[in-house]
Amino acid sequence: MIVCLVILIILLVCKILIMRRSAREITDEIRDRLTSDTNTPITITSHDRRMQELAIQINRQLKDLRKEYLQYHQGNTELKTAITNISHDIRTPLTAIAGNLYMISKTDDISEIREYISTIEERTETMKQLTEELFRYSVILSDEGEQDTEEVYVNQVLEESIGGFYPVLTKRGITPKIDITDTRIVRNMRRSDLARVFSNLLNNALKYSDGDLEITLTDKGEITFTNTAKDLSAVEVEQLFDRFYTVEVARNSTGLGLSIARTLVKRMGGTITADYDDDRLSIRISL
């Protein structure tokens, strides 16, 4: 009896020592993972099922933690870059406005004053567009709660959006070719969100189109905006939906328009993609 008890005590002591060693190994490896840039999982020498399960659970948590860190780091980098770009984009029209106001104070020539005022109005409109995009983006990000939806007639919203942009499109020499199915496309969503998506895509066409625009809506609810855009590259097209990304041909923009569109389309349960082939940019939405 005593021998059995001694053996049991020895086994328990050995098990405790093994578990202490495993705990020490886990502690050391956690410290290493938190101070180094590595995806290597934690490993322990113990074959104890519970300690192995503990290591597995910690590895899962470390993986999630690293993913969140990378997202934070990427977002922080994007934000710093965005602040620099936006500061530059806002400062440029501000400098022009200040310069033209100064020139107005130095002349009595009415024709010159009108020219300066015209420049001021143009630069003011640029600043208005920049601040409006930032405001819309902040509102959309903060509006993530439950949303009141309704049955929306997609055909009608698309037609109204095109009609609202038609004057400015034709002023830019763009006469859109429109092919909208007669089939009634109905989806449950917020009408204002869908109108915002179409508005942003039309604004995108104004920025990048070389003078043409094709808009289609199929029986399956697929909407495509296509236009020639020789100033874009395949790499730039891949980044069009990134937050704060903008190309040189559209520097009067924060680059938030398509990012807003992507956020809204995802909330609708749809998808939005961009393709670039033979100098033609196609943005496709499936609802």
Protein backbone atom coordinates (compact mmCIF):
# COMPACT_ATOMS: atom_id res chain seq x y z
CA MET A 1 0.00 0.00 0.00
CA ILE A 2 2.76 2.38 1.01
CA VAL A 3 4.73 1.49 -2.13
CA CYS A 4 1.72 2.27 -4.31
CA LEU A 5 1.23 5.58 -2.53
CA VAL A 6 4.89 6.48 -3.02
CA ILE A 7 4.68 5.59 -6.70
CA LEU A 8 1.53 7.69 -7.05
CA ILE A 9 3.19 10.65 -5.35
CA ILE A 10 6.23 10.31 -7.61
CA LEU A 11 4.01 10.22 -10.69
CA LEU A 12 2.10 13.27 -9.53
CA VAL A 13 5.32 15.16 -8.82
CA CYS A 14 6.65 14.23 -12.25
CA LYS A 15 3.43 15.39 -13.87
CA ILE A 16 3.53 18.68 -11.95
CA LEU A 17 7.16 19.20 -13.00
CA ILE A 18 6.29 18.46 -16.64
CA MET A 19 3.35 20.88 -16.53
CA ARG A 20 5.52 23.56 -14.91
CA ARG A 21 8.08 23.08 -17.67
CA SER A 22 5.31 23.35 -20.30
CA ALA A 23 3.97 26.50 -18.66
CA ARG A 24 7.48 27.98 -18.67
CA GLU A 25 7.90 27.05 -22.33
CA ILE A 26 4.57 28.67 -23.21
CA THR A 27 5.48 31.81 -21.23
CA ASP A 28 8.86 32.11 -22.96
CA GLU A 29 7.37 31.54 -26.42
CA ILE A 30 4.55 34.05 -25.86
CA ARG A 31 7.14 36.64 -24.84
CA ASP A 32 9.12 35.84 -27.98
CA ARG A 33 6.06 36.07 -30.27
CA LEU A 34 5.02 39.42 -28.79
CA THR A 35 8.45 40.95 -29.35
CA SER A 36 9.24 39.54 -32.80
CA ASP A 37 7.67 39.67 -36.26
CA THR A 38 6.89 36.02 -36.85
CA ASN A 39 3.98 33.72 -37.59
CA THR A 40 5.66 30.66 -36.05
CA PRO A 41 3.21 28.90 -33.70
CA ILE A 42 3.98 28.08 -30.08
CA THR A 43 5.26 24.52 -29.54
CA ILE A 44 5.79 22.61 -26.31
CA THR A 45 7.63 19.38 -25.49
CA SER A 46 4.86 18.02 -23.26
CA HIS A 47 2.44 15.52 -24.76
CA ASP A 48 -0.16 16.22 -22.11
CA ARG A 49 -3.51 16.65 -23.87
CA ARG A 50 -4.58 19.65 -21.77
CA MET A 51 -1.30 21.50 -22.22
CA GLN A 52 -1.39 20.80 -25.95
CA GLU A 53 -4.95 22.19 -26.09
CA LEU A 54 -3.80 25.27 -24.17
CA ALA A 55 -1.01 25.84 -26.70
CA ILE A 56 -3.50 25.46 -29.58
CA GLN A 57 -5.88 28.01 -28.04
CA ILE A 58 -3.05 30.48 -27.40
CA ASN A 59 -1.86 30.08 -31.00
CA ARG A 60 -5.35 30.93 -32.22
CA GLN A 61 -5.46 34.03 -30.04
CA LEU A 62 -1.98 35.09 -31.16
CA LYS A 63 -3.04 34.66 -34.79
CA ASP A 64 -6.09 36.88 -34.26
CA LEU A 65 -3.99 39.40 -32.35
CA ARG A 66 -1.42 39.56 -35.14
CA LYS A 67 -4.17 39.98 -37.74
CA GLU A 68 -5.66 42.88 -35.77
CA TYR A 69 -2.20 44.41 -35.34
CA LEU A 70 -1.52 44.24 -39.07
CA GLN A 71 -4.92 45.80 -39.82
CA TYR A 72 -4.21 48.55 -37.30
CA HIS A 73 -0.73 49.14 -38.69
CA GLN A 74 -2.03 49.25 -42.27
CA GLY A 75 -4.87 51.59 -41.28
CA ASN A 76 -2.47 53.82 -39.36
CA THR A 77 -0.14 54.01 -42.37
CA GLU A 78 -3.06 54.76 -44.69
CA LEU A 79 -4.29 57.47 -42.34
CA LYS A 80 -0.89 59.15 -42.12
CA THR A 81 -0.56 59.10 -45.90
CA ALA A 82 -4.12 60.34 -46.29
CA ILE A 83 -3.59 63.24 -43.88
CA THR A 84 -0.49 64.28 -45.82
CA ASN A 85 -2.26 64.06 -49.17
CA ILE A 86 -5.45 65.75 -48.01
CA SER A 87 -3.51 68.52 -46.28
CA HIS A 88 -1.66 69.14 -49.52
CA ASP A 89 -4.83 69.02 -51.61
CA ILE A 90 -6.64 71.48 -49.32
CA ARG A 91 -3.66 73.77 -48.91
CA THR A 92 -3.24 74.14 -52.68
CA PRO A 93 -6.65 75.78 -53.34
CA LEU A 94 -6.35 77.76 -50.10
CA THR A 95 -3.04 79.22 -51.27
CA ALA A 96 -4.59 80.08 -54.63
CA ILE A 97 -7.58 81.75 -52.95
CA ALA A 98 -5.32 83.80 -50.67
CA GLY A 99 -3.13 84.80 -53.62
CA ASN A 100 -6.09 85.92 -55.74
CA LEU A 101 -7.61 87.87 -52.84
CA TYR A 102 -4.30 89.67 -52.46
CA MET A 103 -4.22 90.48 -56.19
CA ILE A 104 -7.79 91.85 -56.00
CA SER A 105 -6.69 94.25 -53.26
CA LYS A 106 -3.91 95.55 -55.55
CA THR A 107 -5.96 96.38 -58.64
CA ASP A 108 -8.94 98.44 -59.72
CA ASP A 109 -9.22 96.77 -63.12
CA ILE A 110 -12.71 95.21 -63.26
CA SER A 111 -11.72 92.59 -65.86
CA GLU A 112 -8.79 91.46 -63.73
CA ILE A 113 -10.95 91.36 -60.60
CA ARG A 114 -13.51 89.19 -62.40
CA GLU A 115 -10.76 86.82 -63.48
CA TYR A 116 -9.45 86.56 -59.92
CA ILE A 117 -12.96 85.97 -58.58
CA SER A 118 -13.52 83.24 -61.17
CA THR A 119 -10.35 81.48 -59.99
CA ILE A 120 -11.44 81.85 -56.36
CA GLU A 121 -14.82 80.28 -57.16
CA GLU A 122 -13.12 77.37 -58.93
CA ARG A 123 -10.74 76.71 -56.03
CA THR A 124 -13.58 77.05 -53.52
CA GLU A 125 -15.56 74.39 -55.40
CA THR A 126 -12.52 72.09 -55.26
CA MET A 127 -12.30 72.51 -51.48
CA LYS A 128 -16.04 71.91 -51.18
CA GLN A 129 -15.72 68.61 -53.05
CA LEU A 130 -12.82 67.47 -50.86
CA THR A 131 -14.53 68.27 -47.57
CA GLU A 132 -17.83 66.80 -48.78
CA GLU A 133 -16.18 63.44 -49.58
CA LEU A 134 -14.56 63.33 -46.14
CA PHE A 135 -17.87 64.15 -44.46
CA ARG A 136 -19.78 61.48 -46.39
CA TYR A 137 -17.15 58.87 -45.62
CA SER A 138 -17.20 59.62 -41.87
CA VAL A 139 -21.03 59.46 -41.83
CA ILE A 140 -21.08 56.11 -43.64
CA LEU A 141 -18.48 54.57 -41.30
CA SER A 142 -20.41 55.70 -38.22
CA ASP A 143 -23.73 54.40 -39.61
CA GLU A 144 -23.18 50.68 -38.97
CA GLY A 145 -26.24 49.91 -36.86
CA GLU A 146 -29.50 48.34 -37.99
CA GLN A 147 -30.76 49.99 -41.15
CA ASP A 148 -34.31 50.56 -42.35
CA THR A 149 -34.59 48.98 -45.77
CA GLU A 150 -37.31 48.88 -48.40
CA GLU A 151 -38.01 47.32 -51.77
CA VAL A 152 -36.10 49.47 -54.27
CA TYR A 153 -36.70 49.57 -58.02
CA VAL A 154 -33.06 49.52 -59.20
CA ASN A 155 -33.94 50.50 -62.79
CA GLN A 156 -35.62 53.70 -61.62
CA VAL A 157 -32.81 54.75 -59.27
CA LEU A 158 -30.23 54.20 -62.02
CA GLU A 159 -32.26 56.19 -64.55
CA GLU A 160 -32.73 59.06 -62.08
CA SER A 161 -29.01 59.10 -61.25
CA ILE A 162 -28.03 59.23 -64.92
CA GLY A 163 -30.59 61.96 -65.53
CA GLY A 164 -29.16 64.05 -62.70
CA PHE A 165 -25.64 63.78 -64.12
CA TYR A 166 -26.62 64.09 -67.79
CA PRO A 167 -26.03 67.87 -68.06
CA VAL A 168 -22.54 67.73 -66.55
CA LEU A 169 -21.67 64.63 -68.59
CA THR A 170 -22.65 66.27 -71.88
CA LYS A 171 -20.83 69.43 -70.83
CA ARG A 172 -17.69 67.31 -70.59
CA GLY A 173 -18.40 65.91 -74.05
CA ILE A 174 -19.61 62.55 -72.69
CA THR A 175 -22.81 61.19 -74.18
CA PRO A 176 -23.50 57.97 -72.29
CA LYS A 177 -24.74 54.85 -74.06
CA ILE A 178 -27.42 53.38 -71.84
CA ASP A 179 -28.78 49.84 -71.92
CA ILE A 180 -31.22 49.21 -69.06
CA THR A 181 -33.29 46.04 -69.07
CA ASP A 182 -37.07 46.30 -69.17
CA THR A 183 -37.23 43.59 -66.51
CA ARG A 184 -38.14 45.10 -63.16
CA ILE A 185 -35.10 44.67 -60.89
CA VAL A 186 -36.19 44.94 -57.25
CA ARG A 187 -33.89 44.60 -54.23
CA ASN A 188 -34.37 45.16 -50.50
CA MET A 189 -32.01 47.97 -49.43
CA ARG A 190 -31.79 51.63 -48.60
CA ARG A 191 -32.66 53.72 -51.64
CA SER A 192 -30.33 56.54 -50.61
CA ASP A 193 -27.37 54.12 -50.41
CA LEU A 194 -27.96 52.82 -53.93
CA ALA A 195 -28.29 56.39 -55.25
CA ARG A 196 -24.99 57.28 -53.54
CA VAL A 197 -23.25 54.32 -55.19
CA PHE A 198 -24.47 55.36 -58.65
CA SER A 199 -23.53 58.99 -57.97
CA ASN A 200 -19.98 58.00 -56.99
CA LEU A 201 -19.58 55.81 -60.07
CA LEU A 202 -20.77 58.62 -62.33
CA ASN A 203 -18.36 61.00 -60.62
CA ASN A 204 -15.63 58.43 -61.21
CA ALA A 205 -16.48 58.40 -64.93
CA LEU A 206 -16.22 62.19 -65.00
CA LYS A 207 -12.72 61.99 -63.51
CA TYR A 208 -11.26 59.24 -65.67
CA SER A 209 -13.28 58.97 -68.89
CA ASP A 210 -11.63 59.94 -72.16
CA GLY A 211 -15.02 60.98 -73.53
CA ASP A 212 -17.18 57.87 -73.55
CA LEU A 213 -19.35 56.01 -71.06
CA GLU A 214 -21.48 52.87 -71.34
CA ILE A 215 -23.96 51.96 -68.61
CA THR A 216 -25.83 48.65 -68.58
CA LEU A 217 -28.26 46.90 -66.25
CA THR A 218 -28.96 43.23 -67.00
CA ASP A 219 -31.90 40.99 -66.11
CA LYS A 220 -29.79 39.47 -63.32
CA GLY A 221 -29.28 42.83 -61.60
CA GLU A 222 -25.70 43.36 -62.79
CA ILE A 223 -24.78 47.01 -63.36
CA THR A 224 -21.68 47.93 -65.39
CA PHE A 225 -20.05 51.31 -65.95
CA THR A 226 -17.47 51.18 -68.76
CA ASN A 227 -15.33 53.95 -70.25
CA THR A 228 -12.01 54.46 -72.00
CA ALA A 229 -9.35 55.62 -69.51
CA LYS A 230 -5.92 55.64 -71.13
CA ASP A 231 -4.36 57.60 -68.23
CA LEU A 232 -4.95 54.70 -65.85
CA SER A 233 -2.73 51.67 -65.39
CA ALA A 234 -3.64 48.14 -64.32
CA VAL A 235 -1.92 48.75 -60.96
CA GLU A 236 -3.92 51.93 -60.35
CA VAL A 237 -7.16 50.14 -61.17
CA GLU A 238 -6.43 47.52 -58.50
CA GLN A 239 -6.15 50.33 -55.93
CA LEU A 240 -9.21 52.34 -56.95
CA PHE A 241 -11.31 50.93 -54.09
CA ASP A 242 -8.62 51.57 -51.46
CA ARG A 243 -9.33 54.27 -48.90
CA PHE A 244 -7.80 57.65 -49.70
CA TYR A 245 -6.20 56.36 -52.92
CA THR A 246 -6.28 58.76 -55.83
CA VAL A 247 -4.33 59.04 -59.07
CA GLU A 248 -2.74 62.15 -60.48
CA VAL A 249 -5.51 62.74 -63.04
CA ALA A 250 -7.96 63.24 -60.17
CA ARG A 251 -6.06 65.19 -57.55
CA ASN A 252 -9.14 67.25 -56.60
CA SER A 253 -10.44 64.11 -54.88
CA THR A 254 -9.73 62.35 -51.60
CA GLY A 255 -10.03 59.00 -53.36
CA LEU A 256 -12.94 58.04 -51.11
CA GLY A 257 -15.68 57.84 -53.76
CA LEU A 258 -15.17 54.22 -54.80
CA SER A 259 -14.26 53.16 -51.27
CA ILE A 260 -17.63 54.52 -50.15
CA ALA A 261 -19.32 52.68 -53.03
CA ARG A 262 -17.64 49.41 -52.04
CA THR A 263 -18.68 49.80 -48.38
CA LEU A 264 -22.30 50.48 -49.33
CA VAL A 265 -22.48 47.65 -51.88
CA LYS A 266 -21.15 45.17 -49.31
CA ARG A 267 -23.82 46.29 -46.85
CA MET A 268 -26.40 45.59 -49.54
CA GLY A 269 -25.04 42.05 -49.82
CA GLY A 270 -23.62 42.67 -53.29
CA THR A 271 -20.18 42.78 -54.88
CA ILE A 272 -18.28 45.46 -56.78
CA THR A 273 -15.19 44.87 -58.93
CA ALA A 274 -13.04 46.76 -61.43
CA ASP A 275 -11.44 45.42 -64.62
CA TYR A 276 -9.05 47.12 -67.01
CA ASP A 277 -8.58 45.78 -70.50
CA ASP A 278 -7.45 47.48 -73.72
CA ASP A 279 -7.47 50.93 -72.04
CA ARG A 280 -11.07 50.47 -70.91
CA LEU A 281 -12.14 50.62 -67.29
CA SER A 282 -15.17 48.54 -66.27
CA ILE A 283 -16.73 48.74 -62.81
CA ARG A 284 -19.28 45.99 -62.24
CA ILE A 285 -21.84 45.69 -59.46
CA SER A 286 -23.84 42.54 -58.75
CA LEU A 287 -26.88 42.96 -56.51
